[in-house]
Amino acid sequence: MDLNRYTLLLYIMAHGLTLQTDREIRFEQRCQRKKIEQQKVDRAIRLEIRETNREGAVGNNSEIANEVSSEISRLTQKRRNFTTPRYSNFVSRFSRFC
């Protein structure tokens, strides 16, 4: 065997183990397409779940917002009731000096 044939044979043997055949390439492409389709389906399902949760949360958000605003109003009113007598005392004292 001459040196060129021997080198070619070694090259083919060494790289032949890592080269894919057409059949293997087609199989990998099919698997890739299946993965992509499955990802699309999963994404659509997650989007639907997210939108459903968002629609359900709108009612909860309005209830929470109403509760928070009523609590703020209650605290504000309580603060007004607490500070009003002091202010009226100050005004009445101030009016004595005028």
Protein backbone atom coordinates (compact mmCIF):
# COMPACT_ATOMS: atom_id res chain seq x y z
CA MET A 1 0.00 0.00 0.00
CA ASP A 2 1.42 3.36 -0.88
CA LEU A 3 1.50 6.27 1.52
CA ASN A 4 -1.35 8.26 -0.13
CA ARG A 5 -3.79 5.36 0.03
CA TYR A 6 -2.83 4.63 3.60
CA THR A 7 -3.39 8.28 4.61
CA LEU A 8 -6.71 8.36 2.77
CA LEU A 9 -7.77 5.15 4.46
CA LEU A 10 -6.83 6.51 7.89
CA TYR A 11 -8.67 9.76 7.14
CA ILE A 12 -11.81 7.89 6.10
CA MET A 13 -11.65 5.60 9.14
CA ALA A 14 -11.05 8.43 11.57
CA HIS A 15 -13.65 10.84 10.19
CA GLY A 16 -16.10 8.21 9.05
CA LEU A 17 -17.04 7.62 12.66
CA THR A 18 -18.18 11.23 13.12
CA LEU A 19 -19.75 11.91 9.72
CA GLN A 20 -23.50 11.50 9.60
CA THR A 21 -25.20 9.59 6.86
CA ASP A 22 -28.12 11.10 4.95
CA ARG A 23 -30.48 8.91 6.92
CA GLU A 24 -29.10 10.17 10.24
CA ILE A 25 -29.34 13.77 9.02
CA ARG A 26 -32.99 13.31 8.02
CA PHE A 27 -33.72 11.67 11.38
CA GLU A 28 -32.15 14.60 13.24
CA GLN A 29 -34.15 17.06 11.14
CA ARG A 30 -37.40 15.20 11.90
CA CYS A 31 -36.59 15.23 15.61
CA GLN A 32 -35.81 18.94 15.44
CA ARG A 33 -39.14 19.66 13.69
CA LYS A 34 -41.00 17.63 16.31
CA LYS A 35 -39.28 19.53 19.12
CA ILE A 36 -40.16 22.86 17.52
CA GLU A 37 -43.80 21.86 17.08
CA GLN A 38 -43.98 20.68 20.69
CA GLN A 39 -42.47 23.98 21.85
CA LYS A 40 -45.12 25.87 19.88
CA VAL A 41 -47.89 23.82 21.49
CA ASP A 42 -46.41 24.30 24.96
CA ARG A 43 -46.08 28.05 24.36
CA ALA A 44 -49.72 28.28 23.25
CA ILE A 45 -50.85 26.39 26.35
CA ARG A 46 -48.81 28.64 28.66
CA LEU A 47 -50.20 31.74 26.94
CA GLU A 48 -53.76 30.50 27.37
CA ILE A 49 -53.17 29.73 31.06
CA ARG A 50 -51.58 33.15 31.58
CA GLU A 51 -54.50 34.94 29.91
CA THR A 52 -57.02 32.90 31.90
CA ASN A 53 -55.24 33.75 35.15
CA ARG A 54 -55.03 37.39 34.14
CA GLU A 55 -58.79 37.54 33.46
CA GLY A 56 -59.52 35.91 36.82
CA ALA A 57 -57.11 38.25 38.55
CA VAL A 58 -58.87 41.35 37.20
CA GLY A 59 -61.84 40.69 39.47
CA ASN A 60 -59.53 40.05 42.40
CA ASN A 61 -57.56 43.20 41.64
CA SER A 62 -60.66 45.37 41.66
CA GLU A 63 -61.78 43.83 44.96
CA ILE A 64 -58.37 44.41 46.45
CA ALA A 65 -58.26 47.97 45.09
CA ASN A 66 -61.68 48.71 46.59
CA GLU A 67 -60.63 47.27 49.92
CA VAL A 68 -57.40 49.28 49.95
CA SER A 69 -59.13 52.52 48.99
CA SER A 70 -61.81 52.05 51.64
CA GLU A 71 -59.13 51.37 54.26
CA ILE A 72 -57.22 54.49 53.20
CA SER A 73 -60.43 56.52 53.39
CA ARG A 74 -61.18 55.11 56.84
CA LEU A 75 -57.68 55.95 58.09
CA THR A 76 -57.85 59.42 56.58
CA GLN A 77 -61.21 60.06 58.24
CA LYS A 78 -59.88 58.75 61.53
CA ARG A 79 -56.90 61.07 61.24
CA ARG A 80 -59.17 64.03 60.45
CA ASN A 81 -61.30 63.28 63.47
CA PHE A 82 -58.20 63.07 65.62
CA THR A 83 -56.60 66.30 64.35
CA THR A 84 -59.72 68.48 64.09
CA PRO A 85 -60.12 69.26 67.81
CA ARG A 86 -56.51 70.36 68.13
CA TYR A 87 -56.87 72.64 65.13
CA SER A 88 -60.09 74.12 66.47
CA ASN A 89 -58.40 74.77 69.82
CA PHE A 90 -55.56 76.51 68.02
CA VAL A 91 -57.99 78.65 66.03
CA SER A 92 -59.98 79.57 69.09
CA ARG A 93 -56.80 80.52 70.96
CA PHE A 94 -55.54 82.48 68.01
CA SER A 95 -58.83 84.34 67.66
CA ARG A 96 -58.50 85.58 71.25
CA PHE A 97 -55.42 87.57 70.34
CA CYS A 98 -57.00 89.32 67.37
